[in-house]
Amino acid sequence: MQITLHIPDPPLRRLEAICGDVPRAVLEGFAADAYRTGTLSRAEVGQLLEPDAIGQTEACLSAHQAKPAPTCDEVADDARALREATGS
Protein backbone atom coordinates (compact mmCIF):
# COMPACT_ATOMS: atom_id res chain seq x y z
CA MET A 1 0.00 0.00 0.00
CA GLN A 2 1.20 3.46 -0.77
CA ILE A 3 -0.03 6.45 1.23
CA THR A 4 0.24 10.06 0.07
CA LEU A 5 0.55 12.78 2.64
CA HIS A 6 0.25 16.47 1.76
CA ILE A 7 2.53 18.72 3.79
CA PRO A 8 2.55 22.42 2.86
CA ASP A 9 5.91 23.78 1.71
CA PRO A 10 6.84 25.97 4.71
CA PRO A 11 6.53 23.20 7.33
CA LEU A 12 7.97 20.67 4.88
CA ARG A 13 11.13 22.76 4.43
CA ARG A 14 11.50 23.05 8.20
CA LEU A 15 11.02 19.30 8.64
CA GLU A 16 13.56 18.57 5.90
CA ALA A 17 16.07 20.83 7.62
CA ILE A 18 15.61 18.95 10.88
CA CYS A 19 15.28 15.32 9.81
CA GLY A 20 16.27 15.22 6.16
CA ASP A 21 14.25 12.28 4.83
CA VAL A 22 10.71 13.32 5.79
CA PRO A 23 8.92 10.24 4.39
CA ARG A 24 11.24 7.95 6.37
CA ALA A 25 10.84 10.07 9.52
CA VAL A 26 7.04 9.90 9.21
CA LEU A 27 7.15 6.12 8.72
CA GLU A 28 9.47 5.62 11.69
CA GLY A 29 7.35 7.85 13.91
CA PHE A 30 4.21 5.96 12.92
CA ALA A 31 5.89 2.60 13.50
CA ALA A 32 7.25 3.66 16.90
CA ASP A 33 3.85 4.91 18.03
CA ALA A 34 2.15 1.72 16.84
CA TYR A 35 4.70 -0.31 18.82
CA ARG A 36 4.33 1.90 21.90
CA THR A 37 0.54 1.40 21.91
CA GLY A 38 0.79 -2.33 21.29
CA THR A 39 -0.74 -2.12 17.82
CA LEU A 40 2.39 -3.60 16.22
CA SER A 41 4.90 -6.07 17.62
CA ARG A 42 8.66 -5.52 17.37
CA ALA A 43 8.76 -8.00 14.47
CA GLU A 44 5.97 -6.16 12.66
CA VAL A 45 7.82 -2.86 13.11
CA GLY A 46 10.80 -4.55 11.50
CA GLN A 47 8.66 -5.66 8.57
CA LEU A 48 7.19 -2.18 8.20
CA LEU A 49 10.57 -0.46 8.21
CA GLU A 50 12.18 -3.17 6.08
CA PRO A 51 15.47 -2.99 7.98
CA ASP A 52 18.54 -4.93 6.91
CA ALA A 53 19.14 -5.98 10.49
CA ILE A 54 17.33 -6.22 13.80
CA GLY A 55 19.66 -3.50 15.07
CA GLN A 56 17.98 -0.97 12.77
CA THR A 57 14.58 -1.72 14.28
CA GLU A 58 16.05 -1.42 17.77
CA ALA A 59 17.76 1.86 16.85
CA CYS A 60 14.51 3.30 15.51
CA LEU A 61 12.49 2.27 18.57
CA SER A 62 15.20 3.59 20.87
CA ALA A 63 15.44 6.91 19.00
CA HIS A 64 11.69 7.36 19.43
CA GLN A 65 11.82 6.17 23.04
CA ALA A 66 9.21 3.60 22.10
CA LYS A 67 8.63 1.05 24.81
CA PRO A 68 5.64 -1.24 24.90
CA ALA A 69 2.92 -0.44 27.38
CA PRO A 70 3.20 -2.50 30.56
CA THR A 71 1.08 -5.61 30.84
CA CYS A 72 -1.55 -5.99 33.55
CA ASP A 73 0.73 -8.45 35.33
CA GLU A 74 3.61 -5.95 35.29
CA VAL A 75 1.39 -3.24 36.76
CA ALA A 76 0.16 -5.65 39.45
CA ASP A 77 3.76 -6.63 40.26
CA ASP A 78 4.75 -2.98 40.55
CA ALA A 79 1.78 -2.22 42.82
CA ARG A 80 2.63 -5.22 45.01
CA ALA A 81 6.28 -4.14 45.25
CA LEU A 82 5.24 -0.58 46.12
CA ARG A 83 2.91 -1.82 48.87
CA GLU A 84 5.70 -3.98 50.28
CA ALA A 85 8.19 -1.11 50.13
CA THR A 86 5.86 1.32 51.90
CA GLY A 87 4.51 -1.24 54.39
CA SER A 88 0.93 -0.69 53.23
PDB file of N, CA and C in Angstrom:
ATOM      1  N   MET A   1       0.845  -1.171   0.000  1.00  0.00           N
ATOM      2  CA  MET A   1       0.000   0.000   0.000  1.00  0.00           C
ATOM      3  C   MET A   1       0.891   1.235   0.000  1.00  0.00           C
ATOM      4  N   GLN A   2       0.499   2.184  -0.739  1.00  0.00           N
ATOM      5  CA  GLN A   2       1.204   3.460  -0.767  1.00  0.00           C
ATOM      6  C   GLN A   2       0.258   4.534  -0.238  1.00  0.00           C
ATOM      7  N   ILE A   3       0.765   5.384   0.638  1.00  0.00           N
ATOM      8  CA  ILE A   3      -0.027   6.453   1.225  1.00  0.00           C
ATOM      9  C   ILE A   3       0.598   7.782   0.842  1.00  0.00           C
ATOM     10  N   THR A   4      -0.230   8.724   0.420  1.00  0.00           N
ATOM     11  CA  THR A   4       0.240  10.055   0.068  1.00  0.00           C
ATOM     12  C   THR A   4      -0.173  11.021   1.157  1.00  0.00           C
ATOM     13  N   LEU A   5       0.781  11.811   1.587  1.00  0.00           N
ATOM     14  CA  LEU A   5       0.546  12.784   2.639  1.00  0.00           C
ATOM     15  C   LEU A   5       0.905  14.161   2.112  1.00  0.00           C
ATOM     16  N   HIS A   6      -0.024  15.103   2.217  1.00  0.00           N
ATOM     17  CA  HIS A   6       0.246  16.466   1.757  1.00  0.00           C
ATOM     18  C   HIS A   6       0.744  17.293   2.934  1.00  0.00           C
ATOM     19  N   ILE A   7       1.960  17.819   2.791  1.00  0.00           N
ATOM     20  CA  ILE A   7       2.535  18.720   3.791  1.00  0.00           C
ATOM     21  C   ILE A   7       2.842  20.026   3.067  1.00  0.00           C
ATOM     22  N   PRO A   8       2.264  21.143   3.510  1.00  0.00           N
ATOM     23  CA  PRO A   8       2.546  22.420   2.858  1.00  0.00           C
ATOM     24  C   PRO A   8       4.046  22.736   2.871  1.00  0.00           C
ATOM     25  N   ASP A   9       4.485  23.501   1.874  1.00  0.00           N
ATOM     26  CA  ASP A   9       5.912  23.776   1.708  1.00  0.00           C
ATOM     27  C   ASP A   9       6.611  24.383   2.924  1.00  0.00           C
ATOM     28  N   PRO A  10       6.070  25.411   3.580  1.00  0.00           N
ATOM     29  CA  PRO A  10       6.837  25.974   4.709  1.00  0.00           C
ATOM     30  C   PRO A  10       7.156  24.950   5.809  1.00  0.00           C
ATOM     31  N   PRO A  11       6.154  24.189   6.307  1.00  0.00           N
ATOM     32  CA  PRO A  11       6.528  23.203   7.327  1.00  0.00           C
ATOM     33  C   PRO A  11       7.386  22.069   6.761  1.00  0.00           C
ATOM     34  N   LEU A  12       7.167  21.725   5.493  1.00  0.00           N
ATOM     35  CA  LEU A  12       7.972  20.671   4.882  1.00  0.00           C
ATOM     36  C   LEU A  12       9.444  21.071   4.849  1.00  0.00           C
ATOM     37  N   ARG A  13       9.732  22.301   4.462  1.00  0.00           N
ATOM     38  CA  ARG A  13      11.130  22.760   4.429  1.00  0.00           C
ATOM     39  C   ARG A  13      11.754  22.702   5.821  1.00  0.00           C
ATOM     40  N   ARG A  14      10.976  23.092   6.831  1.00  0.00           N
ATOM     41  CA  ARG A  14      11.499  23.051   8.197  1.00  0.00           C
ATOM     42  C   ARG A  14      11.758  21.610   8.628  1.00  0.00           C
ATOM     43  N   LEU A  15      10.826  20.711   8.308  1.00  0.00           N
ATOM     44  CA  LEU A  15      11.021  19.303   8.643  1.00  0.00           C
ATOM     45  C   LEU A  15      12.232  18.721   7.920  1.00  0.00           C
ATOM     46  N   GLU A  16      12.406  19.061   6.664  1.00  0.00           N
ATOM     47  CA  GLU A  16      13.556  18.566   5.902  1.00  0.00           C
ATOM     48  C   GLU A  16      14.865  19.054   6.514  1.00  0.00           C
ATOM     49  N   ALA A  17      14.864  20.289   7.001  1.00  0.00           N
ATOM     50  CA  ALA A  17      16.075  20.832   7.619  1.00  0.00           C
ATOM     51  C   ALA A  17      16.414  20.088   8.905  1.00  0.00           C
ATOM     52  N   ILE A  18      15.387  19.622   9.602  1.00  0.00           N
ATOM     53  CA  ILE A  18      15.606  18.950  10.880  1.00  0.00           C
ATOM     54  C   ILE A  18      15.923  17.465  10.701  1.00  0.00           C
ATOM     55  N   CYS A  19      15.113  16.779   9.884  1.00  0.00           N
ATOM     56  CA  CYS A  19      15.278  15.323   9.812  1.00  0.00           C
ATOM     57  C   CYS A  19      15.702  14.816   8.440  1.00  0.00           C
ATOM     58  N   GLY A  20      15.808  15.672   7.468  1.00  0.00           N
ATOM     59  CA  GLY A  20      16.269  15.224   6.156  1.00  0.00           C
ATOM     60  C   GLY A  20      15.217  14.455   5.385  1.00  0.00           C
ATOM     61  N   ASP A  21      15.160  13.152   5.575  1.00  0.00           N
ATOM     62  CA  ASP A  21      14.254  12.283   4.829  1.00  0.00           C
ATOM     63  C   ASP A  21      12.886  12.254   5.520  1.00  0.00           C
ATOM     64  N   VAL A  22      12.010  13.173   5.134  1.00  0.00           N
ATOM     65  CA  VAL A  22      10.709  13.317   5.787  1.00  0.00           C
ATOM     66  C   VAL A  22       9.853  12.061   5.657  1.00  0.00           C
ATOM     67  N   PRO A  23       9.733  11.453   4.479  1.00  0.00           N
ATOM     68  CA  PRO A  23       8.916  10.239   4.395  1.00  0.00           C
ATOM     69  C   PRO A  23       9.396   9.141   5.349  1.00  0.00           C
ATOM     70  N   ARG A  24      10.697   8.967   5.461  1.00  0.00           N
ATOM     71  CA  ARG A  24      11.236   7.949   6.369  1.00  0.00           C
ATOM     72  C   ARG A  24      10.952   8.324   7.829  1.00  0.00           C
ATOM     73  N   ALA A  25      11.105   9.603   8.150  1.00  0.00           N
ATOM     74  CA  ALA A  25      10.842  10.067   9.519  1.00  0.00           C
ATOM     75  C   ALA A  25       9.381   9.848   9.894  1.00  0.00           C
ATOM     76  N   VAL A  26       8.469  10.108   8.957  1.00  0.00           N
ATOM     77  CA  VAL A  26       7.036   9.896   9.211  1.00  0.00           C
ATOM     78  C   VAL A  26       6.766   8.402   9.427  1.00  0.00           C
ATOM     79  N   LEU A  27       7.347   7.568   8.597  1.00  0.00           N
ATOM     80  CA  LEU A  27       7.153   6.122   8.720  1.00  0.00           C
ATOM     81  C   LEU A  27       7.703   5.613  10.057  1.00  0.00           C
ATOM     82  N   GLU A  28       8.895   6.061  10.429  1.00  0.00           N
ATOM     83  CA  GLU A  28       9.474   5.623  11.693  1.00  0.00           C
ATOM     84  C   GLU A  28       8.653   6.099  12.881  1.00  0.00           C
ATOM     85  N   GLY A  29       8.180   7.333  12.825  1.00  0.00           N
ATOM     86  CA  GLY A  29       7.347   7.851  13.909  1.00  0.00           C
ATOM     87  C   GLY A  29       6.054   7.065  14.046  1.00  0.00           C
ATOM     88  N   PHE A  30       5.439   6.758  12.919  1.00  0.00           N
ATOM     89  CA  PHE A  30       4.212   5.962  12.916  1.00  0.00           C
ATOM     90  C   PHE A  30       4.468   4.575  13.493  1.00  0.00           C
ATOM     91  N   ALA A  31       5.550   3.943  13.042  1.00  0.00           N
ATOM     92  CA  ALA A  31       5.885   2.601  13.503  1.00  0.00           C
ATOM     93  C   ALA A  31       6.171   2.595  15.009  1.00  0.00           C
ATOM     94  N   ALA A  32       6.918   3.580  15.472  1.00  0.00           N
ATOM     95  CA  ALA A  32       7.250   3.661  16.900  1.00  0.00           C
ATOM     96  C   ALA A  32       5.990   3.851  17.739  1.00  0.00           C
ATOM     97  N   ASP A  33       5.086   4.695  17.280  1.00  0.00           N
ATOM     98  CA  ASP A  33       3.847   4.914  18.027  1.00  0.00           C
ATOM     99  C   ASP A  33       2.988   3.656  18.029  1.00  0.00           C
ATOM    100  N   ALA A  34       2.928   2.964  16.912  1.00  0.00           N
ATOM    101  CA  ALA A  34       2.147   1.723  16.845  1.00  0.00           C
ATOM    102  C   ALA A  34       2.739   0.664  17.768  1.00  0.00           C
ATOM    103  N   TYR A  35       4.057   0.629  17.899  1.00  0.00           N
ATOM    104  CA  TYR A  35       4.702  -0.310  18.822  1.00  0.00           C
ATOM    105  C   TYR A  35       4.410   0.090  20.269  1.00  0.00           C
ATOM    106  N   ARG A  36       4.542   1.383  20.549  1.00  0.00           N
ATOM    107  CA  ARG A  36       4.326   1.899  21.902  1.00  0.00           C
ATOM    108  C   ARG A  36       2.916   1.578  22.402  1.00  0.00           C
ATOM    109  N   THR A  37       1.930   1.645  21.523  1.00  0.00           N
ATOM    110  CA  THR A  37       0.541   1.400  21.910  1.00  0.00           C
ATOM    111  C   THR A  37       0.155  -0.078  21.836  1.00  0.00           C
ATOM    112  N   GLY A  38       1.070  -0.908  21.377  1.00  0.00           N
ATOM    113  CA  GLY A  38       0.786  -2.331  21.290  1.00  0.00           C
ATOM    114  C   GLY A  38       0.077  -2.739  20.014  1.00  0.00           C
ATOM    115  N   THR A  39      -0.082  -1.813  19.095  1.00  0.00           N
ATOM    116  CA  THR A  39      -0.736  -2.121  17.819  1.00  0.00           C
ATOM    117  C   THR A  39       0.132  -3.024  16.956  1.00  0.00           C
ATOM    118  N   LEU A  40       1.443  -2.780  16.970  1.00  0.00           N
ATOM    119  CA  LEU A  40       2.394  -3.604  16.221  1.00  0.00           C
ATOM    120  C   LEU A  40       3.405  -4.219  17.171  1.00  0.00           C
ATOM    121  N   SER A  41       3.834  -5.427  16.853  1.00  0.00           N
ATOM    122  CA  SER A  41       4.902  -6.073  17.616  1.00  0.00           C
ATOM    123  C   SER A  41       6.240  -5.563  17.092  1.00  0.00           C
ATOM    124  N   ARG A  42       7.311  -5.903  17.811  1.00  0.00           N
ATOM    125  CA  ARG A  42       8.660  -5.515  17.375  1.00  0.00           C
ATOM    126  C   ARG A  42       8.949  -6.114  15.991  1.00  0.00           C
ATOM    127  N   ALA A  43       8.539  -7.351  15.769  1.00  0.00           N
ATOM    128  CA  ALA A  43       8.759  -7.998  14.467  1.00  0.00           C
ATOM    129  C   ALA A  43       7.987  -7.283  13.365  1.00  0.00           C
ATOM    130  N   GLU A  44       6.765  -6.868  13.665  1.00  0.00           N
ATOM    131  CA  GLU A  44       5.968  -6.155  12.659  1.00  0.00           C
ATOM    132  C   GLU A  44       6.559  -4.791  12.345  1.00  0.00           C
ATOM    133  N   VAL A  45       7.124  -4.134  13.364  1.00  0.00           N
ATOM    134  CA  VAL A  45       7.816  -2.860  13.106  1.00  0.00           C
ATOM    135  C   VAL A  45       8.975  -3.113  12.152  1.00  0.00           C
ATOM    136  N   GLY A  46       9.707  -4.193  12.387  1.00  0.00           N
ATOM    137  CA  GLY A  46      10.802  -4.547  11.497  1.00  0.00           C
ATOM    138  C   GLY A  46      10.340  -4.772  10.068  1.00  0.00           C
ATOM    139  N   GLN A  47       9.202  -5.436   9.910  1.00  0.00           N
ATOM    140  CA  GLN A  47       8.655  -5.660   8.565  1.00  0.00           C
ATOM    141  C   GLN A  47       8.238  -4.337   7.927  1.00  0.00           C
ATOM    142  N   LEU A  48       7.644  -3.466   8.716  1.00  0.00           N
ATOM    143  CA  LEU A  48       7.189  -2.177   8.198  1.00  0.00           C
ATOM    144  C   LEU A  48       8.360  -1.322   7.740  1.00  0.00           C
ATOM    145  N   LEU A  49       9.410  -1.299   8.535  1.00  0.00           N
ATOM    146  CA  LEU A  49      10.568  -0.462   8.209  1.00  0.00           C
ATOM    147  C   LEU A  49      11.502  -1.108   7.201  1.00  0.00           C
ATOM    148  N   GLU A  50      11.324  -2.410   6.986  1.00  0.00           N
ATOM    149  CA  GLU A  50      12.179  -3.169   6.076  1.00  0.00           C
ATOM    150  C   GLU A  50      13.660  -2.982   6.392  1.00  0.00           C
ATOM    151  N   PRO A  51      14.054  -3.178   7.644  1.00  0.00           N
ATOM    152  CA  PRO A  51      15.468  -2.988   7.980  1.00  0.00           C
ATOM    153  C   PRO A  51      16.315  -4.156   7.496  1.00  0.00           C
ATOM    154  N   ASP A  52      17.604  -3.881   7.315  1.00  0.00           N
ATOM    155  CA  ASP A  52      18.537  -4.931   6.911  1.00  0.00           C
ATOM    156  C   ASP A  52      18.928  -5.796   8.101  1.00  0.00           C
ATOM    157  N   ALA A  53      18.751  -5.249   9.293  1.00  0.00           N
ATOM    158  CA  ALA A  53      19.137  -5.983  10.492  1.00  0.00           C
ATOM    159  C   ALA A  53      18.219  -5.608  11.639  1.00  0.00           C
ATOM    160  N   ILE A  54      18.152  -6.491  12.623  1.00  0.00           N
ATOM    161  CA  ILE A  54      17.332  -6.225  13.803  1.00  0.00           C
ATOM    162  C   ILE A  54      17.805  -4.955  14.484  1.00  0.00           C
ATOM    163  N   GLY A  55      19.096  -4.686  14.431  1.00  0.00           N
ATOM    164  CA  GLY A  55      19.657  -3.498  15.065  1.00  0.00           C
ATOM    165  C   GLY A  55      19.026  -2.217  14.563  1.00  0.00           C
ATOM    166  N   GLN A  56      18.621  -2.169  13.303  1.00  0.00           N
ATOM    167  CA  GLN A  56      17.982  -0.970  12.765  1.00  0.00           C
ATOM    168  C   GLN A  56      16.613  -0.756  13.394  1.00  0.00           C
ATOM    169  N   THR A  57      15.876  -1.831  13.615  1.00  0.00           N
ATOM    170  CA  THR A  57      14.579  -1.718  14.279  1.00  0.00           C
ATOM    171  C   THR A  57      14.787  -1.231  15.702  1.00  0.00           C
ATOM    172  N   GLU A  58      15.759  -1.822  16.391  1.00  0.00           N
ATOM    173  CA  GLU A  58      16.050  -1.418  17.766  1.00  0.00           C
ATOM    174  C   GLU A  58      16.485   0.040  17.823  1.00  0.00           C
ATOM    175  N   ALA A  59      17.294   0.472  16.879  1.00  0.00           N
ATOM    176  CA  ALA A  59      17.761   1.857  16.854  1.00  0.00           C
ATOM    177  C   ALA A  59      16.597   2.816  16.645  1.00  0.00           C
ATOM    178  N   CYS A  60      15.679   2.460  15.772  1.00  0.00           N
ATOM    179  CA  CYS A  60      14.508   3.299  15.511  1.00  0.00           C
ATOM    180  C   CYS A  60      13.641   3.400  16.760  1.00  0.00           C
ATOM    181  N   LEU A  61      13.348   2.259  17.373  1.00  0.00           N
ATOM    182  CA  LEU A  61      12.492   2.269  18.565  1.00  0.00           C
ATOM    183  C   LEU A  61      13.167   3.034  19.701  1.00  0.00           C
ATOM    184  N   SER A  62      14.461   2.877  19.825  1.00  0.00           N
ATOM    185  CA  SER A  62      15.195   3.592  20.869  1.00  0.00           C
ATOM    186  C   SER A  62      15.199   5.091  20.602  1.00  0.00           C
ATOM    187  N   ALA A  63      15.420   5.483  19.356  1.00  0.00           N
ATOM    188  CA  ALA A  63      15.442   6.908  19.003  1.00  0.00           C
ATOM    189  C   ALA A  63      14.107   7.576  19.299  1.00  0.00           C
ATOM    190  N   HIS A  64      13.030   6.820  19.172  1.00  0.00           N
ATOM    191  CA  HIS A  64      11.689   7.362  19.427  1.00  0.00           C
ATOM    192  C   HIS A  64      11.220   7.068  20.858  1.00  0.00           C
ATOM    193  N   GLN A  65      12.137   6.529  21.658  1.00  0.00           N
ATOM    194  CA  GLN A  65      11.824   6.170  23.043  1.00  0.00           C
ATOM    195  C   GLN A  65      10.535   5.357  23.123  1.00  0.00           C
ATOM    196  N   ALA A  66      10.411   4.425  22.182  1.00  0.00           N
ATOM    197  CA  ALA A  66       9.207   3.595  22.096  1.00  0.00           C
ATOM    198  C   ALA A  66       9.394   2.329  22.914  1.00  0.00           C
ATOM    199  N   LYS A  67       8.641   2.245  23.965  1.00  0.00           N
ATOM    200  CA  LYS A  67       8.628   1.054  24.807  1.00  0.00           C
ATOM    201  C   LYS A  67       7.190   0.567  24.846  1.00  0.00           C
ATOM    202  N   PRO A  68       7.011  -0.742  24.860  1.00  0.00           N
ATOM    203  CA  PRO A  68       5.635  -1.243  24.902  1.00  0.00           C
ATOM    204  C   PRO A  68       4.970  -0.870  26.216  1.00  0.00           C
ATOM    205  N   ALA A  69       3.676  -0.714  26.167  1.00  0.00           N
ATOM    206  CA  ALA A  69       2.915  -0.437  27.382  1.00  0.00           C
ATOM    207  C   ALA A  69       3.057  -1.628  28.329  1.00  0.00           C
ATOM    208  N   PRO A  70       3.073  -1.376  29.633  1.00  0.00           N
ATOM    209  CA  PRO A  70       3.201  -2.505  30.563  1.00  0.00           C
ATOM    210  C   PRO A  70       1.970  -3.401  30.522  1.00  0.00           C
ATOM    211  N   THR A  71       2.197  -4.675  30.787  1.00  0.00           N
ATOM    212  CA  THR A  71       1.082  -5.611  30.843  1.00  0.00           C
ATOM    213  C   THR A  71       0.370  -5.458  32.186  1.00  0.00           C
ATOM    214  N   CYS A  72      -0.803  -6.013  32.281  1.00  0.00           N
ATOM    215  CA  CYS A  72      -1.554  -5.988  33.554  1.00  0.00           C
ATOM    216  C   CYS A  72      -0.749  -6.663  34.652  1.00  0.00           C
ATOM    217  N   ASP A  73      -0.079  -7.758  34.330  1.00  0.00           N
ATOM    218  CA  ASP A  73       0.734  -8.455  35.326  1.00  0.00           C
ATOM    219  C   ASP A  73       1.892  -7.584  35.812  1.00  0.00           C
ATOM    220  N   GLU A  74       2.518  -6.839  34.889  1.00  0.00           N
ATOM    221  CA  GLU A  74       3.612  -5.954  35.287  1.00  0.00           C
ATOM    222  C   GLU A  74       3.117  -4.845  36.207  1.00  0.00           C
ATOM    223  N   VAL A  75       1.960  -4.284  35.912  1.00  0.00           N
ATOM    224  CA  VAL A  75       1.386  -3.241  36.760  1.00  0.00           C
ATOM    225  C   VAL A  75       1.062  -3.808  38.139  1.00  0.00           C
ATOM    226  N   ALA A  76       0.489  -5.010  38.170  1.00  0.00           N
ATOM    227  CA  ALA A  76       0.163  -5.649  39.449  1.00  0.00           C
ATOM    228  C   ALA A  76       1.430  -5.931  40.251  1.00  0.00           C
ATOM    229  N   ASP A  77       2.485  -6.384  39.579  1.00  0.00           N
ATOM    230  CA  ASP A  77       3.760  -6.631  40.260  1.00  0.00           C
ATOM    231  C   ASP A  77       4.328  -5.340  40.840  1.00  0.00           C
ATOM    232  N   ASP A  78       4.259  -4.268  40.063  1.00  0.00           N
ATOM    233  CA  ASP A  78       4.749  -2.976  40.545  1.00  0.00           C
ATOM    234  C   ASP A  78       3.945  -2.492  41.744  1.00  0.00           C
ATOM    235  N   ALA A  79       2.635  -2.643  41.700  1.00  0.00           N
ATOM    236  CA  ALA A  79       1.785  -2.221  42.821  1.00  0.00           C
ATOM    237  C   ALA A  79       2.103  -3.045  44.068  1.00  0.00           C
ATOM    238  N   ARG A  80       2.296  -4.334  43.886  1.00  0.00           N
ATOM    239  CA  ARG A  80       2.634  -5.217  45.006  1.00  0.00           C
ATOM    240  C   ARG A  80       3.980  -4.803  45.612  1.00  0.00           C
ATOM    241  N   ALA A  81       4.966  -4.540  44.766  1.00  0.00           N
ATOM    242  CA  ALA A  81       6.284  -4.137  45.250  1.00  0.00           C
ATOM    243  C   ALA A  81       6.210  -2.794  45.976  1.00  0.00           C
ATOM    244  N   LEU A  82       5.400  -1.881  45.477  1.00  0.00           N
ATOM    245  CA  LEU A  82       5.244  -0.580  46.121  1.00  0.00           C
ATOM    246  C   LEU A  82       4.588  -0.736  47.491  1.00  0.00           C
ATOM    247  N   ARG A  83       3.566  -1.580  47.565  1.00  0.00           N
ATOM    248  CA  ARG A  83       2.910  -1.820  48.866  1.00  0.00           C
ATOM    249  C   ARG A  83       3.896  -2.419  49.877  1.00  0.00           C
ATOM    250  N   GLU A  84       4.710  -3.360  49.394  1.00  0.00           N
ATOM    251  CA  GLU A  84       5.695  -3.981  50.280  1.00  0.00           C
ATOM    252  C   GLU A  84       6.750  -2.966  50.736  1.00  0.00           C
ATOM    253  N   ALA A  85       7.160  -2.101  49.819  1.00  0.00           N
ATOM    254  CA  ALA A  85       8.193  -1.112  50.131  1.00  0.00           C
ATOM    255  C   ALA A  85       7.690  -0.050  51.106  1.00  0.00           C
ATOM    256  N   THR A  86       6.415   0.267  51.039  1.00  0.00           N
ATOM    257  CA  THR A  86       5.863   1.315  51.900  1.00  0.00           C
ATOM    258  C   THR A  86       5.193   0.734  53.138  1.00  0.00           C
ATOM    259  N   GLY A  87       5.125  -0.601  53.236  1.00  0.00           N
ATOM    260  CA  GLY A  87       4.508  -1.238  54.389  1.00  0.00           C
ATOM    261  C   GLY A  87       3.004  -1.095  54.428  1.00  0.00           C
ATOM    262  N   SER A  88       2.404  -0.854  53.282  1.00  0.00           N
ATOM    263  CA  SER A  88       0.933  -0.688  53.228  1.00  0.00           C
ATOM    264  C   SER A  88       0.242  -2.013  53.051  1.00  0.00           C
TER     265      SER A  88
END
